[in-house]
Amino acid sequence: MGYVFLFLMGFGFAVMGGVTIIAYMNFLPAGLSWGEYFSFILSRIECYFLPIGIVMMSLVISRLPNKLK
């Protein structure tokens, strides 16, 4: 049960971070360059949820018990 909870928590983080990054892409038509966009999302904490979620999901998948594989 703990594996499922951690996987779903990682999935939620990844979705939240991905949606935030895509939402911030609306700044591009407003005149931001790609460099300014990347420096902006690197300064936002909520954008770090995407890599944190991906790492959590991959750790849970790699540590599954052998009987579930």
PDB file of N, CA and C in Angstrom:
ATOM      1  N   MET A   1       0.817  -1.194   0.000  1.00  0.00           N
ATOM      2  CA  MET A   1       0.000   0.000   0.000  1.00  0.00           C
ATOM      3  C   MET A   1       0.862   1.260   0.000  1.00  0.00           C
ATOM      4  N   GLY A   2       2.024   1.195   0.645  1.00  0.00           N
ATOM      5  CA  GLY A   2       2.913   2.342   0.678  1.00  0.00           C
ATOM      6  C   GLY A   2       3.460   2.678  -0.693  1.00  0.00           C
ATOM      7  N   TYR A   3       3.729   1.637  -1.521  1.00  0.00           N
ATOM      8  CA  TYR A   3       4.223   1.876  -2.868  1.00  0.00           C
ATOM      9  C   TYR A   3       3.187   2.611  -3.712  1.00  0.00           C
ATOM     10  N   VAL A   4       1.943   2.218  -3.561  1.00  0.00           N
ATOM     11  CA  VAL A   4       0.872   2.860  -4.333  1.00  0.00           C
ATOM     12  C   VAL A   4       0.733   4.320  -3.921  1.00  0.00           C
ATOM     13  N   PHE A   5       0.779   4.584  -2.627  1.00  0.00           N
ATOM     14  CA  PHE A   5       0.656   5.961  -2.147  1.00  0.00           C
ATOM     15  C   PHE A   5       1.799   6.829  -2.654  1.00  0.00           C
ATOM     16  N   LEU A   6       3.032   6.333  -2.558  1.00  0.00           N
ATOM     17  CA  LEU A   6       4.182   7.111  -3.026  1.00  0.00           C
ATOM     18  C   LEU A   6       4.141   7.314  -4.537  1.00  0.00           C
ATOM     19  N   PHE A   7       3.710   6.286  -5.278  1.00  0.00           N
ATOM     20  CA  PHE A   7       3.599   6.433  -6.725  1.00  0.00           C
ATOM     21  C   PHE A   7       2.561   7.483  -7.092  1.00  0.00           C
ATOM     22  N   LEU A   8       1.408   7.431  -6.450  1.00  0.00           N
ATOM     23  CA  LEU A   8       0.351   8.407  -6.745  1.00  0.00           C
ATOM     24  C   LEU A   8       0.753   9.819  -6.311  1.00  0.00           C
ATOM     25  N   MET A   9       1.498   9.923  -5.232  1.00  0.00           N
ATOM     26  CA  MET A   9       1.983  11.225  -4.806  1.00  0.00           C
ATOM     27  C   MET A   9       2.985  11.778  -5.832  1.00  0.00           C
ATOM     28  N   GLY A  10       3.871  10.932  -6.327  1.00  0.00           N
ATOM     29  CA  GLY A  10       4.806  11.339  -7.366  1.00  0.00           C
ATOM     30  C   GLY A  10       4.087  11.721  -8.650  1.00  0.00           C
ATOM     31  N   PHE A  11       3.060  10.966  -9.001  1.00  0.00           N
ATOM     32  CA  PHE A  11       2.271  11.280 -10.194  1.00  0.00           C
ATOM     33  C   PHE A  11       1.580  12.625 -10.033  1.00  0.00           C
ATOM     34  N   GLY A  12       1.048  12.878  -8.864  1.00  0.00           N
ATOM     35  CA  GLY A  12       0.397  14.171  -8.616  1.00  0.00           C
ATOM     36  C   GLY A  12       1.383  15.324  -8.704  1.00  0.00           C
ATOM     37  N   PHE A  13       2.583  15.140  -8.149  1.00  0.00           N
ATOM     38  CA  PHE A  13       3.612  16.174  -8.259  1.00  0.00           C
ATOM     39  C   PHE A  13       3.992  16.424  -9.710  1.00  0.00           C
ATOM     40  N   ALA A  14       4.156  15.337 -10.477  1.00  0.00           N
ATOM     41  CA  ALA A  14       4.543  15.478 -11.879  1.00  0.00           C
ATOM     42  C   ALA A  14       3.463  16.202 -12.683  1.00  0.00           C
ATOM     43  N   VAL A  15       2.217  15.870 -12.441  1.00  0.00           N
ATOM     44  CA  VAL A  15       1.124  16.541 -13.149  1.00  0.00           C
ATOM     45  C   VAL A  15       1.061  18.009 -12.750  1.00  0.00           C
ATOM     46  N   MET A  16       1.183  18.282 -11.464  1.00  0.00           N
ATOM     47  CA  MET A  16       1.110  19.664 -10.995  1.00  0.00           C
ATOM     48  C   MET A  16       2.248  20.503 -11.587  1.00  0.00           C
ATOM     49  N   GLY A  17       3.452  19.962 -11.595  1.00  0.00           N
ATOM     50  CA  GLY A  17       4.582  20.689 -12.163  1.00  0.00           C
ATOM     51  C   GLY A  17       4.469  20.859 -13.661  1.00  0.00           C
ATOM     52  N   GLY A  18       4.027  19.818 -14.355  1.00  0.00           N
ATOM     53  CA  GLY A  18       3.871  19.898 -15.808  1.00  0.00           C
ATOM     54  C   GLY A  18       2.815  20.895 -16.227  1.00  0.00           C
ATOM     55  N   VAL A  19       1.699  20.903 -15.531  1.00  0.00           N
ATOM     56  CA  VAL A  19       0.636  21.856 -15.841  1.00  0.00           C
ATOM     57  C   VAL A  19       1.095  23.282 -15.575  1.00  0.00           C
ATOM     58  N   THR A  20       1.853  23.473 -14.525  1.00  0.00           N
ATOM     59  CA  THR A  20       2.357  24.808 -14.208  1.00  0.00           C
ATOM     60  C   THR A  20       3.327  25.294 -15.276  1.00  0.00           C
ATOM     61  N   ILE A  21       4.220  24.407 -15.719  1.00  0.00           N
ATOM     62  CA  ILE A  21       5.172  24.787 -16.765  1.00  0.00           C
ATOM     63  C   ILE A  21       4.441  25.128 -18.059  1.00  0.00           C
ATOM     64  N   ILE A  22       3.437  24.348 -18.402  1.00  0.00           N
ATOM     65  CA  ILE A  22       2.665  24.631 -19.612  1.00  0.00           C
ATOM     66  C   ILE A  22       1.876  25.929 -19.456  1.00  0.00           C
ATOM     67  N   ALA A  23       1.343  26.168 -18.277  1.00  0.00           N
ATOM     68  CA  ALA A  23       0.594  27.410 -18.055  1.00  0.00           C
ATOM     69  C   ALA A  23       1.496  28.634 -18.174  1.00  0.00           C
ATOM     70  N   TYR A  24       2.739  28.512 -17.703  1.00  0.00           N
ATOM     71  CA  TYR A  24       3.665  29.633 -17.811  1.00  0.00           C
ATOM     72  C   TYR A  24       4.117  29.868 -19.249  1.00  0.00           C
ATOM     73  N   MET A  25       3.847  28.916 -20.151  1.00  0.00           N
ATOM     74  CA  MET A  25       4.173  29.135 -21.564  1.00  0.00           C
ATOM     75  C   MET A  25       3.322  30.239 -22.178  1.00  0.00           C
ATOM     76  N   ASN A  26       2.263  30.632 -21.494  1.00  0.00           N
ATOM     77  CA  ASN A  26       1.446  31.748 -21.980  1.00  0.00           C
ATOM     78  C   ASN A  26       2.206  33.064 -21.936  1.00  0.00           C
ATOM     79  N   PHE A  27       3.339  33.103 -21.233  1.00  0.00           N
ATOM     80  CA  PHE A  27       4.159  34.309 -21.219  1.00  0.00           C
ATOM     81  C   PHE A  27       4.939  34.487 -22.518  1.00  0.00           C
ATOM     82  N   LEU A  28       5.120  33.413 -23.282  1.00  0.00           N
ATOM     83  CA  LEU A  28       5.889  33.506 -24.523  1.00  0.00           C
ATOM     84  C   LEU A  28       5.234  34.436 -25.547  1.00  0.00           C
ATOM     85  N   PRO A  29       3.925  34.340 -25.797  1.00  0.00           N
ATOM     86  CA  PRO A  29       3.319  35.292 -26.735  1.00  0.00           C
ATOM     87  C   PRO A  29       3.309  36.726 -26.203  1.00  0.00           C
ATOM     88  N   ALA A  30       3.501  36.889 -24.907  1.00  0.00           N
ATOM     89  CA  ALA A  30       3.496  38.233 -24.329  1.00  0.00           C
ATOM     90  C   ALA A  30       4.831  38.938 -24.513  1.00  0.00           C
ATOM     91  N   GLY A  31       5.816  38.264 -25.128  1.00  0.00           N
ATOM     92  CA  GLY A  31       7.058  38.938 -25.434  1.00  0.00           C
ATOM     93  C   GLY A  31       8.287  38.375 -24.767  1.00  0.00           C
ATOM     94  N   LEU A  32       8.168  37.320 -23.954  1.00  0.00           N
ATOM     95  CA  LEU A  32       9.342  36.712 -23.341  1.00  0.00           C
ATOM     96  C   LEU A  32      10.064  35.853 -24.365  1.00  0.00           C
ATOM     97  N   SER A  33      11.376  35.850 -24.317  1.00  0.00           N
ATOM     98  CA  SER A  33      12.144  34.935 -25.160  1.00  0.00           C
ATOM     99  C   SER A  33      12.239  33.591 -24.445  1.00  0.00           C
ATOM    100  N   TRP A  34      12.761  32.584 -25.165  1.00  0.00           N
ATOM    101  CA  TRP A  34      12.887  31.266 -24.550  1.00  0.00           C
ATOM    102  C   TRP A  34      13.866  31.290 -23.377  1.00  0.00           C
ATOM    103  N   GLY A  35      14.924  32.057 -23.510  1.00  0.00           N
ATOM    104  CA  GLY A  35      15.892  32.165 -22.407  1.00  0.00           C
ATOM    105  C   GLY A  35      15.284  32.784 -21.171  1.00  0.00           C
ATOM    106  N   GLU A  36      14.504  33.842 -21.365  1.00  0.00           N
ATOM    107  CA  GLU A  36      13.825  34.478 -20.230  1.00  0.00           C
ATOM    108  C   GLU A  36      12.786  33.541 -19.620  1.00  0.00           C
ATOM    109  N   TYR A  37      12.120  32.768 -20.488  1.00  0.00           N
ATOM    110  CA  TYR A  37      11.126  31.811 -20.002  1.00  0.00           C
ATOM    111  C   TYR A  37      11.787  30.765 -19.108  1.00  0.00           C
ATOM    112  N   PHE A  38      12.916  30.185 -19.576  1.00  0.00           N
ATOM    113  CA  PHE A  38      13.578  29.153 -18.784  1.00  0.00           C
ATOM    114  C   PHE A  38      14.152  29.710 -17.485  1.00  0.00           C
ATOM    115  N   SER A  39      14.677  30.924 -17.532  1.00  0.00           N
ATOM    116  CA  SER A  39      15.175  31.510 -16.286  1.00  0.00           C
ATOM    117  C   SER A  39      14.026  31.816 -15.327  1.00  0.00           C
ATOM    118  N   PHE A  40      12.844  32.145 -15.879  1.00  0.00           N
ATOM    119  CA  PHE A  40      11.677  32.392 -15.030  1.00  0.00           C
ATOM    120  C   PHE A  40      11.211  31.109 -14.360  1.00  0.00           C
ATOM    121  N   ILE A  41      11.071  30.011 -15.137  1.00  0.00           N
ATOM    122  CA  ILE A  41      10.556  28.779 -14.523  1.00  0.00           C
ATOM    123  C   ILE A  41      11.582  28.160 -13.577  1.00  0.00           C
ATOM    124  N   LEU A  42      12.869  28.447 -13.773  1.00  0.00           N
ATOM    125  CA  LEU A  42      13.862  27.953 -12.820  1.00  0.00           C
ATOM    126  C   LEU A  42      13.780  28.685 -11.489  1.00  0.00           C
ATOM    127  N   SER A  43      13.179  29.872 -11.497  1.00  0.00           N
ATOM    128  CA  SER A  43      13.054  30.625 -10.246  1.00  0.00           C
ATOM    129  C   SER A  43      11.758  30.312  -9.504  1.00  0.00           C
ATOM    130  N   ARG A  44      10.872  29.531 -10.100  1.00  0.00           N
ATOM    131  CA  ARG A  44       9.587  29.207  -9.484  1.00  0.00           C
ATOM    132  C   ARG A  44       9.650  27.833  -8.813  1.00  0.00           C
ATOM    133  N   ILE A  45       9.259  27.770  -7.563  1.00  0.00           N
ATOM    134  CA  ILE A  45       9.316  26.524  -6.787  1.00  0.00           C
ATOM    135  C   ILE A  45       8.371  25.473  -7.359  1.00  0.00           C
ATOM    136  N   GLU A  46       7.192  25.865  -7.792  1.00  0.00           N
ATOM    137  CA  GLU A  46       6.200  24.889  -8.235  1.00  0.00           C
ATOM    138  C   GLU A  46       6.607  24.184  -9.516  1.00  0.00           C
ATOM    139  N   CYS A  47       7.549  24.732 -10.258  1.00  0.00           N
ATOM    140  CA  CYS A  47       8.019  24.069 -11.472  1.00  0.00           C
ATOM    141  C   CYS A  47       8.953  22.904 -11.157  1.00  0.00           C
ATOM    142  N   TYR A  48       9.498  22.866  -9.963  1.00  0.00           N
ATOM    143  CA  TYR A  48      10.366  21.764  -9.559  1.00  0.00           C
ATOM    144  C   TYR A  48       9.571  20.511  -9.198  1.00  0.00           C
ATOM    145  N   PHE A  49       8.257  20.609  -9.123  1.00  0.00           N
ATOM    146  CA  PHE A  49       7.449  19.430  -8.814  1.00  0.00           C
ATOM    147  C   PHE A  49       7.497  18.403  -9.932  1.00  0.00           C
ATOM    148  N   LEU A  50       7.680  18.833 -11.184  1.00  0.00           N
ATOM    149  CA  LEU A  50       7.750  17.877 -12.290  1.00  0.00           C
ATOM    150  C   LEU A  50       8.933  16.930 -12.142  1.00  0.00           C
ATOM    151  N   PRO A  51      10.176  17.404 -12.009  1.00  0.00           N
ATOM    152  CA  PRO A  51      11.270  16.435 -11.842  1.00  0.00           C
ATOM    153  C   PRO A  51      11.204  15.661 -10.530  1.00  0.00           C
ATOM    154  N   ILE A  52      10.701  16.285  -9.462  1.00  0.00           N
ATOM    155  CA  ILE A  52      10.570  15.571  -8.186  1.00  0.00           C
ATOM    156  C   ILE A  52       9.584  14.414  -8.339  1.00  0.00           C
ATOM    157  N   GLY A  53       8.470  14.663  -9.008  1.00  0.00           N
ATOM    158  CA  GLY A  53       7.471  13.616  -9.230  1.00  0.00           C
ATOM    159  C   GLY A  53       7.989  12.495 -10.099  1.00  0.00           C
ATOM    160  N   ILE A  54       8.737  12.833 -11.144  1.00  0.00           N
ATOM    161  CA  ILE A  54       9.290  11.795 -12.017  1.00  0.00           C
ATOM    162  C   ILE A  54      10.291  10.940 -11.258  1.00  0.00           C
ATOM    163  N   VAL A  55      11.116  11.565 -10.440  1.00  0.00           N
ATOM    164  CA  VAL A  55      12.089  10.803  -9.635  1.00  0.00           C
ATOM    165  C   VAL A  55      11.371   9.911  -8.636  1.00  0.00           C
ATOM    166  N   MET A  56      10.327  10.434  -7.989  1.00  0.00           N
ATOM    167  CA  MET A  56       9.576   9.608  -7.024  1.00  0.00           C
ATOM    168  C   MET A  56       8.962   8.398  -7.700  1.00  0.00           C
ATOM    169  N   MET A  57       8.332   8.596  -8.858  1.00  0.00           N
ATOM    170  CA  MET A  57       7.704   7.473  -9.555  1.00  0.00           C
ATOM    171  C   MET A  57       8.739   6.452 -10.000  1.00  0.00           C
ATOM    172  N   SER A  58       9.882   6.909 -10.497  1.00  0.00           N
ATOM    173  CA  SER A  58      10.894   5.955 -10.952  1.00  0.00           C
ATOM    174  C   SER A  58      11.517   5.197  -9.786  1.00  0.00           C
ATOM    175  N   LEU A  59      11.688   5.846  -8.639  1.00  0.00           N
ATOM    176  CA  LEU A  59      12.202   5.139  -7.467  1.00  0.00           C
ATOM    177  C   LEU A  59      11.222   4.083  -6.974  1.00  0.00           C
ATOM    178  N   VAL A  60       9.946   4.410  -6.973  1.00  0.00           N
ATOM    179  CA  VAL A  60       8.945   3.444  -6.521  1.00  0.00           C
ATOM    180  C   VAL A  60       8.885   2.257  -7.476  1.00  0.00           C
ATOM    181  N   ILE A  61       8.936   2.528  -8.782  1.00  0.00           N
ATOM    182  CA  ILE A  61       8.868   1.440  -9.757  1.00  0.00           C
ATOM    183  C   ILE A  61      10.102   0.554  -9.658  1.00  0.00           C
ATOM    184  N   SER A  62      11.266   1.162  -9.454  1.00  0.00           N
ATOM    185  CA  SER A  62      12.487   0.347  -9.380  1.00  0.00           C
ATOM    186  C   SER A  62      12.586  -0.449  -8.088  1.00  0.00           C
ATOM    187  N   ARG A  63      11.896  -0.071  -7.050  1.00  0.00           N
ATOM    188  CA  ARG A  63      11.978  -0.772  -5.768  1.00  0.00           C
ATOM    189  C   ARG A  63      10.773  -1.650  -5.480  1.00  0.00           C
ATOM    190  N   LEU A  64       9.945  -1.906  -6.488  1.00  0.00           N
ATOM    191  CA  LEU A  64       8.812  -2.806  -6.288  1.00  0.00           C
ATOM    192  C   LEU A  64       9.296  -4.193  -5.899  1.00  0.00           C
ATOM    193  N   PRO A  65       8.572  -4.858  -5.045  1.00  0.00           N
ATOM    194  CA  PRO A  65       8.954  -6.242  -4.708  1.00  0.00           C
ATOM    195  C   PRO A  65       8.919  -7.136  -5.952  1.00  0.00           C
ATOM    196  N   ASN A  66       9.755  -8.157  -5.962  1.00  0.00           N
ATOM    197  CA  ASN A  66       9.876  -9.030  -7.133  1.00  0.00           C
ATOM    198  C   ASN A  66       8.589  -9.747  -7.461  1.00  0.00           C
ATOM    199  N   LYS A  67       7.750 -10.017  -6.483  1.00  0.00           N
ATOM    200  CA  LYS A  67       6.519 -10.746  -6.772  1.00  0.00           C
ATOM    201  C   LYS A  67       5.506  -9.903  -7.541  1.00  0.00           C
ATOM    202  N   LEU A  68       5.678  -8.577  -7.546  1.00  0.00           N
ATOM    203  CA  LEU A  68       4.774  -7.720  -8.298  1.00  0.00           C
ATOM    204  C   LEU A  68       5.250  -7.465  -9.721  1.00  0.00           C
ATOM    205  N   LYS A  69       6.514  -7.765 -10.005  1.00  0.00           N
ATOM    206  CA  LYS A  69       7.062  -7.493 -11.338  1.00  0.00           C
ATOM    207  C   LYS A  69       6.666  -8.514 -12.339  1.00  0.00           C
TER     208      LYS A  69
END
